[in-house]
């Protein structure tokens, strides 16, 4: 940019012009530093960290069924296999993770095997769906399900994995997890698992207190319906937003948190978090037959107390940003520039050039004679039941039925574990 001849300006005008040029220079120097310092939004950072900590579970149950026939009780010749899908999340850097208790609960695994067996009988044409419905109560109460040896429980194998391409994920191939402890569905619906990994696991902190009604939440997990429609190995965790609706007590005396985030089967065991990424509870169950979302997660205080009592080294809670503005992301310290130059380099350079500019201005204003015309170049900076309606064919089930009368698929109850 070519500056006008000083002789055409008065001393006052020259000073104003010089000051204007100086301010413009400051703006050009400082603006790139601030532009470089802009990070991803707080929500994006929280979601990225949460996805790196969230895992998908496949729970395999296998056992032999001692079922009733006209000739008495008979053992199945082959073992019956049932597979369930859940979610989970790391709570320590040493491979400990949490999921819903009902995902790995042995008595519910037995029920899954019985349902699969009866459904196989219907599909093979050995019994009708109405007969299967009639047999369910007796089967659940009296039929034995055993593992590979007499009197042993069904064999449970828990596999965990993470999608490829998730930044910060540590599981590259499915791992077998060991179940360390279980709090059954009726008692709080939480389970603690452990895997061995070569590197520390990205843990999620647990909130220090229960959330307030109306607080914003995000429920995370792997919906089974999404997994069915996505190429194997490509499914990513879903993030469902909502708010806290209430704090409730179940008929068994367990505290739960009601939320309106739209969670579904397969997301059970995943975390529900606050705006900072602190875990508020474990995705547990929902109410069927309702047009609105009535979903429930485990109680925050109960979860933290339970984990602490099992010597889990929890991370400290992430504090909320001071005076957050509704609808805006919390301020985050500036990361490196997208060009690869750290923000502080730009800031130091801007300050140095600013000092030079001030010196030039002082010399300019002290000159008694107009300076000759000069050229100036401006620098620029360079993520258990079964319902009353059949999930498979959509035909409403008969009252009290456990299997669809049309296709034989198992139906669901009003309180559905996810």
Protein backbone atom coordinates (compact mmCIF):
# COMPACT_ATOMS: atom_id res chain seq x y z
CA UNK A 1 0.00 0.00 0.00
CA UNK A 2 1.45 3.44 -1.00
CA UNK A 3 1.17 6.16 1.63
CA UNK A 4 0.18 9.74 0.56
CA UNK A 5 2.83 12.48 0.46
CA UNK A 6 3.32 13.93 3.96
CA UNK A 7 3.63 17.44 2.54
CA UNK A 8 -0.02 17.40 1.61
CA UNK A 9 -1.06 16.84 5.23
CA UNK A 10 -0.90 19.05 8.26
CA UNK A 11 1.02 17.94 11.36
CA UNK A 12 -2.27 16.96 13.03
CA UNK A 13 -3.38 15.06 9.95
CA UNK A 14 -0.05 13.28 9.77
CA UNK A 15 -0.42 12.15 13.37
CA UNK A 16 -3.96 10.95 12.78
CA UNK A 17 -2.89 9.11 9.67
CA UNK A 18 0.04 7.52 11.47
CA UNK A 19 -2.17 6.47 14.38
CA UNK A 20 -4.73 5.00 11.99
CA UNK A 21 -2.01 3.05 10.24
CA UNK A 22 -0.69 1.86 13.58
CA UNK A 23 -4.12 0.68 14.75
CA UNK A 24 -4.66 -1.07 11.44
CA UNK A 25 -1.30 -2.76 11.82
CA UNK A 26 -2.13 -3.85 15.35
CA UNK A 27 -5.44 -5.29 14.14
CA UNK A 28 -3.71 -7.21 11.37
CA UNK A 29 -1.06 -8.56 13.72
CA UNK A 30 -3.27 -9.51 16.61
CA UNK A 31 -6.26 -10.84 14.64
CA UNK A 32 -4.37 -13.85 13.22
CA UNK A 33 -3.26 -14.82 16.71
CA UNK A 34 -6.85 -14.83 17.95
CA UNK A 35 -8.02 -16.62 14.83
CA UNK A 36 -5.40 -19.30 15.34
CA UNK A 37 -6.38 -19.63 18.99
CA UNK A 38 -9.96 -20.60 18.25
CA UNK A 39 -10.44 -24.26 19.29
CA UNK A 40 -13.21 -26.69 18.53
CA UNK A 41 -16.36 -26.00 20.50
CA UNK A 42 -16.62 -27.35 24.03
CA UNK A 43 -19.35 -29.77 22.97
CA UNK A 44 -17.18 -31.20 20.19
CA UNK A 45 -14.29 -31.76 22.58
CA UNK A 46 -16.53 -33.40 25.18
CA UNK A 47 -18.10 -35.69 22.56
CA UNK A 48 -14.71 -36.67 21.15
CA UNK A 49 -13.39 -37.59 24.59
CA UNK A 50 -16.58 -39.51 25.41
CA UNK A 51 -16.48 -41.48 22.16
CA UNK A 52 -12.90 -42.54 22.85
CA UNK A 53 -14.04 -43.93 26.22
CA UNK A 54 -17.26 -45.62 25.05
CA UNK A 55 -17.20 -49.28 24.01
CA UNK A 56 -19.59 -51.74 22.41
CA UNK A 57 -20.34 -55.05 24.14
CA UNK A 58 -21.42 -58.37 22.66
CA UNK A 59 -22.52 -60.81 25.37
CA UNK A 60 -22.65 -64.44 24.33
CA UNK A 61 -24.66 -66.90 26.44
CA UNK A 62 -24.40 -70.63 25.77
CA UNK A 63 -26.09 -73.55 27.51
CA UNK A 64 -28.10 -76.76 27.23
CA UNK A 65 -31.84 -76.65 27.89
CA UNK A 66 -33.72 -79.34 29.81
CA UNK A 67 -37.19 -78.88 28.31
CA UNK A 68 -40.53 -80.59 28.90
CA UNK A 69 -42.05 -82.97 26.33
CA UNK A 70 -44.88 -85.50 26.32
CA UNK A 71 -42.28 -88.08 27.35
CA UNK A 72 -40.87 -86.03 30.20
CA UNK A 73 -37.88 -83.70 30.39
CA UNK A 74 -35.24 -83.94 27.66
CA UNK A 75 -31.88 -82.19 27.25
CA UNK A 76 -31.12 -80.46 23.97
CA UNK A 77 -28.53 -82.32 21.92
CA UNK A 78 -26.71 -79.12 21.03
CA UNK A 79 -26.07 -76.06 23.11
CA UNK A 80 -28.28 -73.04 22.55
CA UNK A 81 -26.54 -69.71 21.92
CA UNK A 82 -28.01 -66.28 22.62
CA UNK A 83 -26.19 -63.03 21.87
CA UNK A 84 -27.06 -59.62 23.29
CA UNK A 85 -25.71 -56.18 22.45
CA UNK A 86 -24.94 -53.45 25.00
CA UNK A 87 -22.66 -50.46 25.52
CA UNK A 88 -20.17 -49.52 28.22
CA UNK A 89 -17.51 -46.96 29.16
CA UNK A 90 -14.12 -46.84 30.85
CA UNK A 91 -14.00 -45.44 34.39
CA UNK A 92 -10.30 -45.93 35.09
CA UNK A 93 -7.05 -45.77 33.18
CA UNK A 94 -6.32 -49.40 34.05
CA UNK A 95 -9.00 -51.05 31.90
CA UNK A 96 -11.99 -51.03 34.27
CA UNK A 97 -15.29 -50.28 32.59
CA UNK A 98 -18.94 -50.02 33.53
CA UNK A 99 -22.04 -51.37 31.82
CA UNK A 100 -25.61 -52.13 32.89
CA UNK A 101 -25.99 -55.01 35.33
CA UNK A 102 -28.74 -56.66 33.30
CA UNK A 103 -26.36 -56.97 30.32
CA UNK A 104 -24.26 -59.58 32.14
CA UNK A 105 -26.71 -60.83 34.77
CA UNK A 106 -26.71 -64.69 34.78
CA UNK A 107 -30.43 -65.21 35.43
CA UNK A 108 -31.29 -62.90 32.53
CA UNK A 109 -28.78 -64.75 30.37
CA UNK A 110 -30.70 -67.92 31.19
CA UNK A 111 -33.93 -66.22 30.08
CA UNK A 112 -32.31 -65.20 26.81
CA UNK A 113 -31.31 -68.80 26.12
CA UNK A 114 -34.86 -70.03 26.84
CA UNK A 115 -36.36 -67.42 24.51
CA UNK A 116 -33.96 -68.35 21.73
CA UNK A 117 -34.76 -72.03 22.22
CA UNK A 118 -38.54 -71.51 22.06
CA UNK A 119 -38.17 -69.23 19.06
CA UNK A 120 -36.12 -71.92 17.31
CA UNK A 121 -38.85 -74.46 18.03
CA UNK A 122 -41.41 -72.13 16.42
CA UNK A 123 -39.27 -71.44 13.35
CA UNK A 124 -38.61 -75.15 12.85
CA UNK A 125 -42.36 -75.82 12.95
CA UNK A 126 -42.17 -78.04 16.02
CA UNK A 127 -44.55 -75.85 18.02
CA UNK A 128 -46.79 -72.88 17.27
CA UNK A 129 -46.24 -69.39 18.59
CA UNK A 130 -49.33 -69.74 20.77
CA UNK A 131 -47.89 -72.94 22.26
CA UNK A 132 -44.60 -71.14 22.89
CA UNK A 133 -46.49 -68.38 24.68
CA UNK A 134 -48.27 -70.96 26.79
CA UNK A 135 -45.00 -72.70 27.66
CA UNK A 136 -43.12 -69.58 28.69
CA UNK A 137 -44.23 -69.39 32.32
CA UNK A 138 -43.44 -73.06 32.94
CA UNK A 139 -40.15 -72.83 31.03
CA UNK A 140 -38.93 -69.81 32.95
CA UNK A 141 -39.92 -71.32 36.28
CA UNK A 142 -38.92 -74.96 35.86
CA UNK A 143 -36.72 -75.69 32.85
CA UNK A 144 -33.03 -76.09 33.62
CA UNK A 145 -30.32 -74.35 31.65
CA UNK A 146 -26.78 -75.53 32.29
CA UNK A 147 -23.31 -74.93 30.91
CA UNK A 148 -20.77 -77.41 29.63
CA UNK A 149 -20.77 -79.47 32.82
CA UNK A 150 -23.63 -80.79 34.93
CA UNK A 151 -24.94 -78.21 37.37
CA UNK A 152 -22.83 -75.38 35.96
CA UNK A 153 -24.42 -72.07 34.92
CA UNK A 154 -24.65 -71.04 31.26
CA UNK A 155 -21.33 -69.96 29.81
CA UNK A 156 -21.02 -66.19 29.54
CA UNK A 157 -18.44 -64.51 27.30
CA UNK A 158 -18.26 -60.72 27.12
CA UNK A 159 -16.53 -59.18 24.12
CA UNK A 160 -15.80 -55.46 23.90
CA UNK A 161 -14.65 -53.39 20.95
CA UNK A 162 -14.43 -49.91 19.50
CA UNK A 163 -14.98 -48.68 15.94
CA UNK A 164 -11.93 -48.05 13.83
CA UNK A 165 -11.09 -44.42 13.25
CA UNK A 166 -12.09 -43.09 16.67
CA UNK A 167 -9.42 -40.68 17.88
CA UNK A 168 -8.04 -41.78 21.24
CA UNK A 169 -9.58 -45.27 21.16
CA UNK A 170 -7.30 -48.00 22.51
CA UNK A 171 -9.12 -51.19 21.44
CA UNK A 172 -8.17 -52.15 17.89
CA UNK A 173 -9.44 -55.75 18.04
CA UNK A 174 -12.25 -57.31 20.14
CA UNK A 175 -11.17 -58.19 23.66
CA UNK A 176 -12.70 -60.54 26.22
CA UNK A 177 -13.67 -58.71 29.41
CA UNK A 178 -13.79 -60.22 32.89
CA UNK A 179 -16.83 -59.44 35.03
CA UNK A 180 -15.60 -58.20 38.41
CA UNK A 181 -18.91 -57.39 40.09
CA UNK A 182 -22.62 -57.03 39.31
CA UNK A 183 -25.42 -55.04 40.86
CA UNK A 184 -28.58 -56.73 39.45
CA UNK A 185 -31.25 -54.80 37.59
CA UNK A 186 -33.59 -54.63 40.59
CA UNK A 187 -30.80 -53.41 42.88
CA UNK A 188 -29.26 -50.66 40.75
CA UNK A 189 -28.36 -52.16 37.36
CA UNK A 190 -24.58 -51.69 37.28
CA UNK A 191 -21.67 -53.98 36.45
CA UNK A 192 -17.90 -53.54 36.68
CA UNK A 193 -15.74 -55.22 34.04
CA UNK A 194 -12.00 -55.36 33.36
CA UNK A 195 -9.88 -55.73 30.23
CA UNK A 196 -6.14 -55.83 29.74
CA UNK A 197 -4.78 -53.26 27.29
CA UNK A 198 -1.19 -52.36 26.38
CA UNK A 199 -1.87 -48.65 26.93
CA UNK A 200 -3.87 -46.71 29.54
CA UNK A 201 -7.58 -46.56 28.85
CA UNK A 202 -9.35 -43.19 28.35
CA UNK A 203 -11.55 -42.96 31.43
CA UNK A 204 -14.61 -40.79 31.99
CA UNK A 205 -15.02 -38.91 35.30
CA UNK A 206 -18.15 -39.46 37.38
CA UNK A 207 -20.06 -36.39 38.57
CA UNK A 208 -19.89 -35.56 42.27
CA UNK A 209 -23.63 -34.95 42.72
CA UNK A 210 -26.98 -35.81 41.18
CA UNK A 211 -28.11 -33.52 38.33
CA UNK A 212 -30.83 -30.93 38.79
CA UNK A 213 -34.17 -31.20 37.02
CA UNK A 214 -33.90 -29.47 33.66
CA UNK A 215 -30.14 -29.94 33.36
CA UNK A 216 -28.88 -30.73 29.85
CA UNK A 217 -27.64 -34.29 29.31
CA UNK A 218 -26.27 -36.44 26.50
CA UNK A 219 -26.83 -40.20 26.39
CA UNK A 220 -24.21 -42.21 24.50
CA UNK A 221 -24.21 -45.75 23.17
CA UNK A 222 -24.52 -48.09 20.21
CA UNK A 223 -28.18 -48.54 19.17
CA UNK A 224 -28.82 -52.06 17.90
CA UNK A 225 -31.00 -50.73 15.08
CA UNK A 226 -28.13 -48.59 13.78
CA UNK A 227 -25.74 -51.52 13.93
CA UNK A 228 -28.14 -53.58 11.82
CA UNK A 229 -28.10 -50.97 9.04
CA UNK A 230 -24.40 -50.06 9.00
CA UNK A 231 -21.52 -52.03 7.51
CA UNK A 232 -19.73 -54.24 10.08
CA UNK A 233 -16.99 -52.35 11.87
CA UNK A 234 -18.28 -48.98 10.68
CA UNK A 235 -20.86 -48.23 13.37
CA UNK A 236 -20.10 -45.23 15.58
CA UNK A 237 -21.57 -44.31 18.95
CA UNK A 238 -24.77 -42.25 18.90
CA UNK A 239 -25.17 -39.09 20.98
CA UNK A 240 -28.76 -38.35 22.07
CA UNK A 241 -29.39 -35.03 23.79
CA UNK A 242 -32.12 -34.16 26.27
CA UNK A 243 -32.72 -32.94 29.79
CA UNK A 244 -33.28 -34.36 33.25
CA UNK A 245 -37.02 -34.85 33.84
CA UNK A 246 -37.05 -36.01 37.47
CA UNK A 247 -35.47 -38.05 40.24
CA UNK A 248 -37.49 -41.19 41.04
CA UNK A 249 -37.46 -44.23 43.34
CA UNK A 250 -38.35 -47.63 41.86
CA UNK A 251 -40.69 -50.16 43.48
CA UNK A 252 -37.59 -51.93 44.81
CA UNK A 253 -36.32 -48.77 46.52
CA UNK A 254 -33.62 -47.87 43.99
CA UNK A 255 -32.97 -44.23 43.07
CA UNK A 256 -33.00 -43.51 39.32
CA UNK A 257 -32.86 -40.41 37.14
CA UNK A 258 -35.53 -39.88 34.49
CA UNK A 259 -34.37 -38.23 31.26
CA UNK A 260 -36.06 -37.45 27.95
CA UNK A 261 -33.08 -38.20 25.70
CA UNK A 262 -34.12 -40.67 23.01
CA UNK A 263 -32.15 -43.82 23.95
CA UNK A 264 -32.90 -47.28 22.60
CA UNK A 265 -31.92 -50.95 22.79
CA UNK A 266 -28.20 -51.49 22.49
CA UNK A 267 -27.41 -48.20 24.26
CA UNK A 268 -27.99 -49.93 27.59
CA UNK A 269 -24.87 -49.69 29.73
CA UNK A 270 -23.61 -46.59 27.96
CA UNK A 271 -23.04 -43.32 29.84
CA UNK A 272 -25.32 -40.31 30.20
CA UNK A 273 -23.12 -37.25 30.74
CA UNK A 274 -23.39 -33.56 31.58
CA UNK A 275 -22.04 -30.65 29.50
CA UNK A 276 -18.51 -31.19 30.82
CA UNK A 277 -18.47 -34.93 30.09
CA UNK A 278 -18.98 -36.09 33.68
CA UNK A 279 -20.97 -39.32 33.93
CA UNK A 280 -24.39 -38.84 35.53
CA UNK A 281 -25.55 -42.44 35.27
CA UNK A 282 -25.69 -45.68 33.30
CA UNK A 283 -28.37 -46.07 30.60
CA UNK A 284 -30.77 -48.60 32.14
CA UNK A 285 -34.36 -48.94 30.90
CA UNK A 286 -37.36 -47.25 29.32
CA UNK A 287 -41.13 -47.51 29.54
CA UNK A 288 -42.91 -49.12 26.61
CA UNK A 289 -46.27 -48.08 25.24
CA UNK A 290 -45.62 -44.36 25.77
CA UNK A 291 -45.63 -41.73 23.03
CA UNK A 292 -43.11 -39.57 24.90
CA UNK A 293 -39.63 -40.52 26.08
CA UNK A 294 -39.56 -42.02 29.58
CA UNK A 295 -36.01 -43.27 29.91
CA UNK A 296 -34.07 -43.97 33.08
CA UNK A 297 -30.41 -44.00 34.08
CA UNK A 298 -28.83 -45.11 37.32
CA UNK A 299 -28.38 -42.65 40.17
CA UNK A 300 -25.19 -40.56 40.10
CA UNK A 301 -24.37 -40.75 43.81
CA UNK A 302 -25.07 -44.49 43.95
CA UNK A 303 -22.79 -45.10 40.97
CA UNK A 304 -19.89 -43.14 42.44
CA UNK A 305 -20.26 -44.75 45.88
CA UNK A 306 -20.44 -48.23 44.37
CA UNK A 307 -17.33 -47.75 42.24
CA UNK A 308 -15.36 -46.12 45.05
CA UNK A 309 -16.26 -49.05 47.30
CA UNK A 310 -14.63 -51.36 44.75
CA UNK A 311 -11.37 -49.40 44.76
CA UNK A 312 -11.83 -47.95 41.29
CA UNK A 313 -9.42 -45.03 40.80
CA UNK A 314 -11.90 -42.50 39.44
CA UNK A 315 -10.78 -39.33 37.69
CA UNK A 316 -11.65 -35.99 39.32
CA UNK A 317 -14.85 -34.34 38.18
CA UNK A 318 -14.50 -31.77 35.39
CA UNK A 319 -15.59 -28.36 36.61
CA UNK A 320 -18.04 -26.22 34.69
CA UNK A 321 -16.72 -23.11 32.93
CA UNK A 322 -17.29 -19.88 34.90
CA UNK A 323 -20.37 -17.88 33.96
CA UNK A 324 -21.30 -19.87 30.85
CA UNK A 325 -23.43 -18.08 28.27
CA UNK A 326 -26.55 -20.06 27.26
CA UNK A 327 -26.20 -21.42 23.75
CA UNK A 328 -22.44 -20.86 23.60
CA UNK A 329 -19.58 -23.24 24.18
CA UNK A 330 -17.41 -22.92 27.26
CA UNK A 331 -14.07 -21.20 26.64
CA UNK A 332 -11.21 -23.61 26.14
CA UNK A 333 -7.49 -22.85 26.10
CA UNK A 334 -6.19 -22.32 22.58
CA UNK A 335 -4.64 -25.30 20.80
CA UNK A 336 -2.04 -25.17 18.06
CA UNK A 337 -2.97 -23.52 14.79
CA UNK A 338 -4.32 -25.63 11.99
CA UNK A 339 -1.18 -24.68 10.05
CA UNK A 340 0.92 -26.38 12.74
CA UNK A 341 2.28 -23.12 14.27
CA UNK A 342 1.44 -22.79 17.99
CA UNK A 343 -0.70 -19.80 18.92
CA UNK A 344 1.89 -18.37 21.30
CA UNK A 345 4.35 -17.98 18.38
CA UNK A 346 1.89 -15.72 16.59
CA UNK A 347 1.29 -13.71 19.75
CA UNK A 348 5.02 -13.20 20.43
CA UNK A 349 5.59 -12.19 16.82
CA UNK A 350 2.70 -9.75 16.98
CA UNK A 351 4.06 -8.11 20.14
CA UNK A 352 7.55 -7.80 18.63
CA UNK A 353 6.25 -6.20 15.46
CA UNK A 354 4.03 -3.93 17.51
CA UNK A 355 7.08 -2.62 19.39
CA UNK A 356 8.81 -1.92 16.09
CA UNK A 357 5.72 -0.15 14.79
CA UNK A 358 5.54 2.08 17.87
CA UNK A 359 9.18 3.01 17.42
CA UNK A 360 8.60 3.92 13.80
CA UNK A 361 5.62 6.05 14.79
CA UNK A 362 7.64 7.97 17.38
CA UNK A 363 10.38 8.72 14.87
CA UNK A 364 7.81 9.80 12.32
CA UNK A 365 6.10 12.23 14.66
CA UNK A 366 9.41 13.75 15.81
CA UNK A 367 10.59 14.62 12.28
CA UNK A 368 10.52 18.35 11.59
CA UNK A 369 10.57 17.99 7.85
CA UNK A 370 8.32 15.96 5.68
CA UNK A 371 9.79 12.59 4.92
CA UNK A 372 10.22 11.57 1.33
CA UNK A 373 7.60 9.34 -0.15
CA UNK A 374 8.05 5.75 0.96
CA UNK A 375 6.47 2.44 0.17
CA UNK A 376 4.93 0.50 3.04
CA UNK A 377 3.96 -3.13 2.91
CA UNK A 378 1.41 -4.35 5.43
CA UNK A 379 2.49 -7.66 6.97
CA UNK A 380 -0.05 -10.49 6.99
CA UNK A 381 -0.09 -13.64 9.04
CA UNK A 382 -0.09 -16.74 7.24
CA UNK A 383 -19.77 -38.02 17.51
CA UNK A 384 -36.57 -57.14 29.13
CA UNK A 385 -38.94 -57.60 28.58
CA UNK A 386 -40.55 -57.20 25.19
CA UNK A 387 -43.07 -54.71 23.92
CA UNK A 388 -46.69 -55.43 23.16
CA UNK A 389 -46.08 -54.96 19.41
CA UNK A 390 -43.88 -57.36 17.45
CA UNK A 391 -40.55 -55.73 16.55
CA UNK A 392 -40.25 -58.03 13.51
CA UNK A 393 -43.61 -57.96 11.70
CA UNK A 394 -45.46 -55.15 13.53
CA UNK A 395 -48.45 -57.29 14.51
CA UNK A 396 -49.79 -56.50 18.01
CA UNK A 397 -49.26 -59.34 20.46
CA UNK A 398 -51.98 -60.96 22.52
CA UNK A 399 -52.34 -59.76 26.14
CA UNK A 400 -49.74 -61.50 28.30
CA UNK A 401 -48.12 -63.16 25.29
CA UNK A 402 -44.36 -63.60 25.23
CA UNK A 403 -44.17 -64.49 21.53
CA UNK A 404 -45.75 -63.04 18.38
CA UNK A 405 -48.72 -65.03 17.17
CA UNK A 406 -47.89 -64.14 13.59
CA UNK A 407 -44.17 -64.84 13.22
CA UNK A 408 -43.06 -66.28 16.56
CA UNK A 409 -40.68 -63.46 17.46
CA UNK A 410 -40.43 -62.73 21.23
CA UNK A 411 -42.43 -59.74 22.46
CA UNK A 412 -41.60 -57.12 25.14
CA UNK A 413 -42.98 -55.98 28.53
CA UNK A 414 -43.91 -52.46 29.64
CA UNK A 415 -40.60 -51.95 31.48
CA UNK A 416 -37.99 -52.65 28.83
CA UNK A 417 -34.35 -53.03 29.67
CA UNK A 418 -32.44 -51.35 26.89
